[in-house]
Amino acid sequence: MKFSRALAAAATALALVLGGGAVSASADPVPQPLTLLTPTTGVKVASPYVTFTWQAPADQEQAIVRVSRSKRTKGGLLPLSGRNSITGYVDSSAGTFRDARYSYSPDTYYWQVTARDAAGNTYRSAVRRFVVPVFFQLSKMRAKAVREAGNGRRAVLVRGIMRCNYAEPQYYTQLTMVTTAGKRRLGRSITGYGNCLGMHPNKVETLVEPGSLKKGTKLTLKIRGRSTMDSTVRWGGAHIKKANGPVTTLHFTWRG
């Protein structure tokens, strides 16, 4: 996901002051201390919506949060543009930045902050690393009895919302439902999806035909989502284990 053009333009303009695109050495940030707080070095973050915090300089007026998939710097600074670069712009004294619209895909990232105070002094932090794992979420699922199209047989249909932070559609996901009556397994269904991207909501459903049952039979439906790639997914040099979503369990009474 890209930041808005206005945001990018503002960040680029500020970069001329903070040292991202200066035409002379005099505009480079003075290496005064600026301490990064979170994410801490090497941490695996708990959300794909990453919150960055730092110890803001006194009277900070503006700051740029520089994030890159590469640790390569130029003049000690992570780049503000290019395919590996993600930039956030803070026009206030706040020592925090989070874009609730942008979810980070699984990868290893590097981040840095450059800032300017009211007196025109400029600051820059060291570069830190953090890891974003695979995130897979299922909403509350709902079940209902239906008749299958074509054969008219009674079946159980389960629907819900799935979210993943994949960046590319070839990383497929599966929704699996196992239906049991007591200790007896009645059926298993697997449905594949290929558009679980950027934590956007995706409607999902899976159907199982439990066969001939007495009216009033109590069913247990266990639903789980998972990625379907090999045992690991390689993102930007980071091996990330296959993602398994939490198991959702529903109890359903068969009405016949």
Protein backbone atom coordinates (compact mmCIF):
# COMPACT_ATOMS: atom_id res chain seq x y z
CA MET A 1 0.00 0.00 0.00
CA LYS A 2 1.29 3.48 -0.86
CA PHE A 3 0.93 6.63 1.20
CA SER A 4 -1.09 9.44 -0.39
CA ARG A 5 0.60 11.74 -2.90
CA ALA A 6 0.16 14.69 -0.57
CA LEU A 7 1.83 12.80 2.25
CA ALA A 8 4.69 11.72 0.03
CA ALA A 9 5.14 15.27 -1.28
CA ALA A 10 5.24 16.67 2.23
CA ALA A 11 7.76 14.07 3.31
CA THR A 12 9.96 14.77 0.31
CA ALA A 13 9.86 18.51 0.97
CA LEU A 14 10.77 18.00 4.58
CA ALA A 15 13.57 15.68 3.53
CA LEU A 16 15.38 18.61 1.94
CA VAL A 17 15.66 20.06 5.43
CA LEU A 18 16.28 16.81 7.26
CA GLY A 19 18.89 15.48 4.86
CA GLY A 20 17.06 13.01 2.60
CA GLY A 21 17.59 14.95 -0.59
CA ALA A 22 19.85 17.85 0.28
CA VAL A 23 21.94 19.38 -2.46
CA SER A 24 24.73 20.46 -0.11
CA ALA A 25 26.47 18.97 2.90
CA SER A 26 25.37 21.91 5.08
CA ALA A 27 21.76 20.64 5.04
CA ASP A 28 22.62 17.16 6.34
CA PRO A 29 21.25 16.34 9.81
CA VAL A 30 23.57 17.10 12.67
CA PRO A 31 24.11 13.72 14.36
CA GLN A 32 22.56 14.85 17.65
CA PRO A 33 20.98 12.10 19.73
CA LEU A 34 17.48 10.90 18.98
CA THR A 35 16.48 7.71 20.79
CA LEU A 36 14.20 5.10 19.23
CA LEU A 37 11.82 3.36 21.65
CA THR A 38 9.58 0.87 19.82
CA PRO A 39 9.74 -1.43 17.94
CA THR A 40 12.83 -2.57 19.81
CA THR A 41 15.77 -4.11 17.95
CA GLY A 42 14.98 -7.46 16.34
CA VAL A 43 11.49 -7.71 17.83
CA LYS A 44 8.71 -9.67 16.11
CA VAL A 45 5.82 -7.20 16.23
CA ALA A 46 2.40 -8.16 17.59
CA SER A 47 0.36 -6.39 14.92
CA PRO A 48 0.71 -5.72 11.18
CA TYR A 49 -0.19 -2.09 11.96
CA VAL A 50 3.14 -1.00 13.41
CA THR A 51 3.40 1.84 15.94
CA PHE A 52 6.73 3.68 15.96
CA THR A 53 7.77 5.67 19.05
CA TRP A 54 10.87 7.69 19.83
CA GLN A 55 12.16 10.19 22.36
CA ALA A 56 11.30 13.39 20.52
CA PRO A 57 13.76 16.29 20.75
CA ALA A 58 12.63 19.30 22.79
CA ASP A 59 10.33 21.51 20.67
CA GLN A 60 10.24 19.00 17.82
CA GLU A 61 8.20 20.46 14.99
CA GLN A 62 8.58 17.85 12.27
CA ALA A 63 9.84 14.30 11.87
CA ILE A 64 10.16 11.63 9.23
CA VAL A 65 9.86 7.93 10.05
CA ARG A 66 12.00 6.10 7.49
CA VAL A 67 11.26 2.41 6.98
CA SER A 68 13.00 0.16 4.47
CA ARG A 69 13.18 -3.52 3.59
CA SER A 70 16.91 -3.00 3.10
CA LYS A 71 19.43 -1.93 5.74
CA ARG A 72 21.44 -0.06 3.12
CA THR A 73 21.92 3.63 3.97
CA LYS A 74 23.37 6.64 2.19
CA GLY A 75 25.21 9.12 4.36
CA GLY A 76 23.88 7.26 7.38
CA LEU A 77 20.26 7.66 6.28
CA LEU A 78 17.70 5.13 5.09
CA PRO A 79 16.26 6.20 1.70
CA LEU A 80 12.96 8.03 1.34
CA SER A 81 12.14 6.56 -2.05
CA GLY A 82 12.60 3.37 -4.02
CA ARG A 83 10.96 -0.04 -4.02
CA ASN A 84 12.22 -0.90 -0.50
CA SER A 85 11.20 2.39 1.10
CA ILE A 86 8.13 3.21 3.22
CA THR A 87 7.87 6.72 4.68
CA GLY A 88 5.78 8.36 7.40
CA TYR A 89 5.53 12.10 8.04
CA VAL A 90 4.89 13.67 11.47
CA ASP A 91 4.16 17.41 11.57
CA SER A 92 3.96 17.87 15.34
CA SER A 93 5.84 17.44 18.60
CA ALA A 94 4.56 13.88 18.98
CA GLY A 95 7.13 11.13 19.30
CA THR A 96 4.87 8.53 17.74
CA PHE A 97 3.59 7.49 14.32
CA ARG A 98 1.10 4.85 13.18
CA ASP A 99 -0.85 4.70 9.96
CA ALA A 100 -3.97 2.65 10.71
CA ARG A 101 -4.62 2.27 6.96
CA TYR A 102 -1.31 0.57 6.21
CA SER A 103 -0.57 -3.02 7.20
CA TYR A 104 2.97 -4.35 6.89
CA SER A 105 3.40 -7.58 4.97
CA PRO A 106 5.61 -10.38 6.38
CA ASP A 107 9.26 -9.30 6.11
CA THR A 108 12.30 -7.94 7.93
CA TYR A 109 12.31 -4.12 8.11
CA TYR A 110 14.73 -1.39 9.16
CA TRP A 111 13.63 1.96 10.58
CA GLN A 112 15.06 5.34 11.50
CA VAL A 113 13.75 8.78 12.49
CA THR A 114 15.02 12.19 11.43
CA ALA A 115 13.58 15.28 13.11
CA ARG A 116 13.79 19.08 13.34
CA ASP A 117 13.03 21.35 16.28
CA ALA A 118 11.67 24.90 16.43
CA ALA A 119 15.17 26.38 16.40
CA GLY A 120 16.02 24.58 13.16
CA ASN A 121 18.28 21.99 14.78
CA THR A 122 18.18 18.62 13.06
CA TYR A 123 18.47 15.15 14.57
CA ARG A 124 18.75 11.57 13.43
CA SER A 125 18.54 8.23 15.15
CA ALA A 126 20.42 5.00 14.67
CA VAL A 127 18.86 2.31 12.43
CA ARG A 128 16.91 -0.52 14.05
CA ARG A 129 15.49 -3.79 12.73
CA PHE A 130 12.10 -5.42 13.33
CA VAL A 131 10.24 -8.42 11.90
CA VAL A 132 6.62 -8.65 10.79
CA PRO A 133 5.31 -12.26 10.87
CA VAL A 134 2.35 -13.69 8.97
CA PHE A 135 -0.96 -12.54 10.44
CA PHE A 136 -4.11 -14.54 9.83
CA GLN A 137 -7.45 -13.68 11.43
CA LEU A 138 -10.92 -15.17 11.30
CA SER A 139 -13.99 -13.30 12.46
CA LYS A 140 -16.84 -14.86 14.40
CA MET A 141 -18.26 -17.56 12.12
CA ARG A 142 -21.96 -18.27 11.62
CA ALA A 143 -23.54 -21.58 10.58
CA LYS A 144 -26.88 -22.37 8.98
CA ALA A 145 -28.60 -25.33 7.32
CA VAL A 146 -29.00 -25.09 3.53
CA ARG A 147 -29.93 -27.24 0.56
CA GLU A 148 -27.13 -27.78 -1.93
CA ALA A 149 -27.71 -26.46 -5.42
CA GLY A 150 -28.13 -29.25 -7.95
CA ASN A 151 -28.88 -32.18 -5.66
CA GLY A 152 -31.09 -30.60 -2.99
CA ARG A 153 -29.28 -32.35 -0.14
CA ARG A 154 -29.20 -30.80 3.28
CA ALA A 155 -25.82 -29.39 4.35
CA VAL A 156 -24.24 -27.00 6.83
CA LEU A 157 -22.88 -23.72 5.51
CA VAL A 158 -20.44 -21.64 7.58
CA ARG A 159 -19.62 -18.02 6.70
CA GLY A 160 -17.33 -15.37 8.11
CA ILE A 161 -14.58 -12.82 7.41
CA MET A 162 -10.89 -13.65 6.90
CA ARG A 163 -7.99 -11.20 7.03
CA CYS A 164 -4.29 -11.78 6.19
CA ASN A 165 -1.31 -9.47 5.72
CA TYR A 166 0.05 -11.09 2.57
CA ALA A 167 1.35 -8.73 -0.09
CA GLU A 168 0.98 -10.99 -3.14
CA PRO A 169 -1.98 -13.09 -4.26
CA GLN A 170 0.04 -16.25 -4.99
CA TYR A 171 0.27 -16.90 -1.25
CA TYR A 172 -2.95 -18.84 -0.94
CA THR A 173 -4.95 -19.62 2.15
CA GLN A 174 -7.25 -22.49 3.01
CA LEU A 175 -10.33 -22.62 5.16
CA THR A 176 -10.89 -26.10 6.61
CA MET A 177 -14.00 -27.28 8.48
CA VAL A 178 -14.28 -30.61 10.31
CA THR A 179 -17.75 -31.70 11.41
CA THR A 180 -18.29 -34.20 14.23
CA ALA A 181 -21.23 -35.59 16.18
CA GLY A 182 -19.86 -36.57 19.57
CA LYS A 183 -16.72 -38.59 18.81
CA ARG A 184 -17.87 -39.52 15.30
CA ARG A 185 -16.36 -37.56 12.44
CA LEU A 186 -18.98 -36.81 9.78
CA GLY A 187 -17.13 -34.80 7.17
CA ARG A 188 -14.34 -32.42 6.23
CA SER A 189 -14.33 -29.62 3.68
CA ILE A 190 -11.45 -27.49 2.37
CA THR A 191 -11.90 -24.23 0.47
CA GLY A 192 -8.99 -22.29 -1.09
CA TYR A 193 -8.64 -18.51 -1.43
CA GLY A 194 -6.06 -16.40 -3.23
CA ASN A 195 -6.87 -12.80 -2.32
CA CYS A 196 -6.14 -12.56 1.40
CA LEU A 197 -4.07 -9.36 1.15
CA GLY A 198 -3.26 -6.31 3.24
CA MET A 199 -5.62 -7.24 6.13
CA HIS A 200 -8.59 -6.33 3.95
CA PRO A 201 -11.80 -8.20 4.87
CA ASN A 202 -12.58 -11.18 2.66
CA LYS A 203 -15.88 -13.02 2.87
CA VAL A 204 -15.28 -16.75 3.22
CA GLU A 205 -17.53 -19.77 3.43
CA THR A 206 -17.23 -23.52 3.61
CA LEU A 207 -19.86 -26.23 3.22
CA VAL A 208 -20.08 -29.77 4.56
CA GLU A 209 -22.74 -32.43 4.01
CA PRO A 210 -22.94 -34.47 7.21
CA GLY A 211 -25.11 -37.21 5.65
CA SER A 212 -28.17 -38.87 7.16
CA LEU A 213 -28.69 -37.67 10.72
CA LYS A 214 -31.49 -37.74 13.23
CA LYS A 215 -33.23 -34.46 13.84
CA GLY A 216 -31.79 -32.78 16.92
CA THR A 217 -28.27 -34.24 16.53
CA LYS A 218 -25.68 -31.95 18.11
CA LEU A 219 -22.83 -31.11 15.73
CA THR A 220 -19.42 -29.60 16.47
CA LEU A 221 -17.87 -27.56 13.65
CA LYS A 222 -14.14 -26.74 13.90
CA ILE A 223 -12.91 -24.16 11.38
CA ARG A 224 -9.28 -23.17 10.80
CA GLY A 225 -7.54 -21.02 8.24
CA ARG A 226 -3.92 -21.47 7.19
CA SER A 227 -1.44 -20.49 4.51
CA THR A 228 -0.85 -23.16 1.87
CA MET A 229 2.74 -22.55 0.81
CA ASP A 230 5.66 -24.80 1.74
CA SER A 231 6.74 -25.17 5.36
CA THR A 232 8.31 -21.71 5.25
CA VAL A 233 7.65 -18.56 3.25
CA ARG A 234 10.68 -16.48 2.31
CA TRP A 235 10.17 -12.72 2.47
CA GLY A 236 13.12 -10.38 2.02
CA GLY A 237 15.64 -12.74 3.57
CA ALA A 238 13.41 -13.74 6.50
CA HIS A 239 12.11 -17.29 6.78
CA ILE A 240 8.65 -17.13 8.31
CA LYS A 241 6.82 -20.28 9.34
CA LYS A 242 3.54 -21.19 7.73
CA ALA A 243 0.66 -19.33 9.34
CA ASN A 244 -2.16 -21.10 11.12
CA GLY A 245 -5.17 -19.13 12.24
CA PRO A 246 -6.90 -19.86 15.54
CA VAL A 247 -9.42 -22.69 15.56
CA THR A 248 -13.02 -21.46 15.68
CA THR A 249 -15.47 -23.93 17.20
CA LEU A 250 -19.23 -23.76 16.58
CA HIS A 251 -22.01 -25.89 18.01
CA PHE A 252 -24.94 -26.53 15.72
CA THR A 253 -28.14 -28.53 16.10
CA TRP A 254 -29.14 -30.52 13.01
CA ARG A 255 -32.77 -29.85 12.14
CA GLY A 256 -33.03 -32.39 9.33
